Protein backbone atom coordinates (compact mmCIF):
# COMPACT_ATOMS: atom_id res chain seq x y z
CA MET A 1 7.07 27.84 43.79
CA CYS A 2 4.54 29.30 41.35
CA LEU A 3 4.23 28.22 37.72
CA MET A 4 6.07 31.30 36.40
CA GLU A 5 9.01 30.77 38.79
CA PHE A 6 9.04 27.10 37.84
CA ARG A 7 9.27 27.98 34.11
CA GLN A 8 12.04 30.52 34.76
CA ALA A 9 14.03 27.92 36.71
CA LEU A 10 13.65 25.49 33.81
CA VAL A 11 14.98 28.10 31.40
CA ILE A 12 18.01 28.91 33.54
CA ASN A 13 18.86 25.28 34.28
CA SER A 14 18.38 23.97 30.77
CA GLU A 15 19.93 26.68 28.56
CA ALA A 16 23.46 25.23 28.65
CA LEU A 17 22.24 21.70 27.94
CA GLN A 18 20.03 22.80 25.07
CA GLU A 19 22.47 25.26 23.49
CA ASN A 20 24.20 22.74 21.21
CA SER A 21 21.33 20.30 20.73
CA GLY A 22 19.12 22.37 18.43
CA VAL A 23 16.40 22.56 21.06
CA ARG A 24 14.95 25.98 21.73
CA SER A 25 16.26 27.31 25.02
CA TYR A 26 13.00 28.60 26.43
CA ILE A 27 9.71 27.38 27.77
CA PRO A 28 6.73 29.18 26.22
CA PRO A 29 5.57 31.99 28.50
CA ASP A 30 1.89 31.12 28.16
CA PRO A 31 0.33 27.67 28.12
CA LYS A 32 -1.75 26.87 25.07
CA ASN A 33 -5.31 25.51 25.08
CA PHE A 34 -3.96 21.99 25.61
CA ASN A 35 -0.62 21.02 27.12
CA PHE A 36 0.48 17.41 26.59
CA TYR A 37 3.08 15.87 28.92
CA VAL A 38 4.57 12.72 27.44
CA ASP A 39 6.87 9.98 28.74
CA ALA A 40 7.66 6.29 28.56
CA ALA A 41 8.84 3.87 31.23
CA VAL A 42 10.89 1.04 29.72
CA ARG A 43 11.02 -2.39 31.32
CA GLY A 44 13.14 -4.74 29.21
CA ASN A 45 11.65 -4.78 25.72
CA GLU A 46 8.32 -3.30 26.84
CA ALA A 47 7.38 0.31 27.27
CA PHE A 48 4.54 1.86 29.23
CA ILE A 49 3.78 5.11 27.48
CA VAL A 50 1.82 7.87 29.16
CA VAL A 51 0.21 11.06 27.93
CA VAL A 52 -1.18 13.51 30.50
CA VAL A 53 -3.15 16.52 29.21
CA PHE A 54 -3.84 19.78 31.02
CA ASP A 55 -5.76 22.83 29.87
CA ARG A 56 -4.52 26.41 29.70
CA ASP A 57 -5.22 26.92 33.43
CA GLY A 58 -3.47 23.72 34.53
CA GLY A 59 -6.70 21.76 34.98
CA PHE A 60 -6.62 18.04 34.26
CA VAL A 61 -8.21 17.14 30.91
CA ASP A 62 -7.25 13.54 30.12
CA ALA A 63 -4.58 10.90 30.55
CA LEU A 64 -3.85 7.56 28.98
CA SER A 65 -1.34 4.79 29.26
CA ALA A 66 -0.49 2.07 26.77
CA LYS A 67 1.95 -0.82 26.60
CA ALA A 68 4.09 -1.55 23.55
CA ALA A 69 6.93 -3.84 22.51
CA ILE A 70 9.98 -1.74 21.71
CA ALA A 71 13.59 -2.16 20.64
CA SER A 72 14.99 1.02 22.21
CA VAL A 73 14.21 3.81 24.63
CA LEU A 74 14.07 6.28 21.73
CA GLU A 75 11.43 4.12 20.06
CA ALA A 76 9.40 4.17 23.29
CA GLU A 77 9.60 7.96 23.48
CA CYS A 78 8.61 8.21 19.78
CA LEU A 79 5.56 6.03 20.37
CA ALA A 80 4.54 8.14 23.36
CA LEU A 81 4.76 11.33 21.30
CA CYS A 82 2.88 9.60 18.45
CA HIS A 83 0.04 8.86 20.89
CA ALA A 84 -0.01 12.48 22.07
CA PHE A 85 -0.03 13.83 18.50
CA SER A 86 -2.75 11.38 17.48
CA LEU A 87 -4.89 12.39 20.45
CA CYS A 88 -4.40 16.05 19.57
CA VAL A 89 -5.36 15.45 15.92
CA LYS A 90 -8.38 13.36 16.99
CA TRP A 91 -9.60 16.27 19.12
CA GLY A 92 -9.06 18.70 16.23
CA CYS A 93 -6.78 20.75 18.46
CA ARG A 94 -4.48 23.25 16.73
CA GLU A 95 -3.26 25.11 19.84
CA ALA A 96 -1.17 22.70 21.87
CA ASN A 97 2.24 22.32 23.49
CA PHE A 98 4.00 18.98 23.89
CA PHE A 99 6.50 18.53 26.71
CA LEU A 100 8.84 15.57 27.02
CA ASP A 101 12.09 14.75 28.76
CA CYS A 102 13.88 13.01 25.85
CA LEU A 103 16.33 15.61 24.56
CA GLN A 104 17.33 13.48 21.55
CA LEU A 105 13.72 13.22 20.36
CA VAL A 106 12.95 16.91 20.90
CA ALA A 107 16.08 17.93 18.97
CA ALA A 108 15.22 15.56 16.10
CA ILE A 109 11.64 16.84 15.89
CA ASN A 110 12.68 20.50 15.95
CA LYS A 111 15.36 19.91 13.28
CA PHE A 112 13.11 17.61 11.18
CA VAL A 113 15.75 14.87 11.08
CA ILE A 114 15.52 11.12 11.55
CA PRO A 115 18.39 10.17 13.90
CA VAL A 116 17.98 6.38 13.59
CA TRP A 117 16.92 4.90 10.25
CA GLN A 118 15.15 1.97 11.95
CA LEU A 119 12.66 4.47 13.38
CA SER A 120 11.93 6.16 10.03
CA SER A 121 8.25 5.19 10.06
CA HIS A 122 7.76 6.65 13.54
CA PHE A 123 9.49 9.91 12.65
CA LEU A 124 7.60 10.25 9.36
CA HIS A 125 4.36 9.81 11.31
CA LEU A 126 5.47 12.46 13.82
CA PHE A 127 6.44 14.90 11.07
CA ASN A 128 3.11 14.28 9.32
CA CYS A 129 1.20 14.97 12.56
CA LEU A 130 3.13 18.22 12.99
CA SER A 131 1.49 19.48 9.81
CA PHE A 132 -1.87 19.27 11.63
CA VAL A 133 -0.80 20.91 14.89
CA ALA A 134 1.01 24.20 15.41
CA HIS A 135 4.71 24.14 14.55
CA ASP A 136 7.39 24.85 17.16
CA CYS A 137 5.27 23.22 19.84
CA VAL A 138 7.56 20.43 21.11
CA PHE A 139 9.62 21.33 24.15
CA TRP A 140 12.16 19.58 26.35
CA LEU A 141 11.94 19.65 30.12
CA PRO A 142 13.77 17.65 32.81
CA HIS A 143 12.31 14.47 34.33
CA SER A 144 11.54 16.32 37.55
CA ALA A 145 9.29 18.79 35.72
CA ASN A 146 7.49 16.24 33.54
CA SER A 147 4.24 15.20 35.23
CA ALA A 148 4.05 12.19 32.89
CA HIS A 149 7.40 10.84 34.16
CA ASN A 150 6.15 9.53 37.51
CA VAL A 151 2.81 8.51 36.01
CA ALA A 152 4.64 6.31 33.47
CA ALA A 153 6.67 4.66 36.23
CA TRP A 154 3.47 4.16 38.22
CA ALA A 155 1.66 2.66 35.20
CA ALA A 156 4.57 0.27 34.61
CA SER A 157 4.62 -0.87 38.23
CA HIS A 158 0.85 -1.56 38.09
CA ASN A 159 0.86 -2.97 34.51
CA LEU A 160 -1.80 -0.38 33.68
CA GLN A 161 -2.72 0.30 30.05
CA GLN A 162 -5.90 2.32 29.67
CA GLN A 163 -7.40 5.76 29.75
CA LEU A 164 -6.78 7.32 33.14
CA THR A 165 -9.82 9.26 34.29
CA VAL A 166 -10.06 11.50 37.32
CA MET A 167 -12.30 8.93 39.04
CA LEU A 168 -9.81 6.11 38.35
CA MET A 169 -6.89 8.23 39.50
CA ASN A 170 -8.69 9.16 42.71
CA ARG A 171 -9.52 5.51 43.34
CA VAL A 172 -6.26 3.85 42.32
CA TRP A 173 -3.39 6.33 42.53
CA ASP A 174 -1.50 6.45 45.75
CA THR A 175 -1.32 9.79 47.53
CA GLU A 176 2.30 10.40 46.58
CA CYS A 177 1.59 10.22 42.84
CA LYS A 178 -1.50 12.44 43.07
CA ASP A 179 0.40 14.97 45.18
CA PHE A 180 3.27 15.00 42.68
CA VAL A 181 0.96 15.75 39.74
CA ASN A 182 -0.91 18.41 41.71
CA GLN A 183 2.33 20.12 42.75
CA LYS A 184 3.72 20.17 39.22
CA CYS A 185 0.56 21.30 37.48
CA ASN A 186 -1.46 23.39 39.90
CA CYS A 187 1.21 25.41 41.68
CA ASP A 188 0.08 28.59 39.94
CA ARG A 189 -3.31 28.31 41.66
CA GLY A 190 -1.84 27.98 45.14
CA ASN A 191 -2.68 24.25 45.48
């Protein structure tokens, strides 16, 4: 399946789910300069958060994982998106998309609401970061389409919390994880 077919399938399969949530019911037709895929794997009261970044052509740019103490899954997803936004701001990037599989968080971000008062500081940070990056750039996608989803699970199983470089991924990642990321992100190039 090529990238365009993949995006069209996401649109068709997610429209009904997104209709009442306040989440836009489309995936942007063109990738931006940087595309951040974000997820968190929760193990008890700890979260392994992962950000995987690809360029406009689907080429790998950067990835990182971090470990944090959390009180809820929503907090873990917020922290993961905070890391992605912070990385984007650090790079001075104004053309970026952010993809995550937490529908509650995407809806809250797109509506500029704080759904849980205990997470006010996280949401205020996210809203502040949005003033530095392009608006309307946070999109929902299912777990199966989020390349950060399996990477987060992999990082949690290996207790890995660091920047993930291509050399490290080639040395440490098992073939299944590398193949998964390649399939999800490079299908438009015939890989």
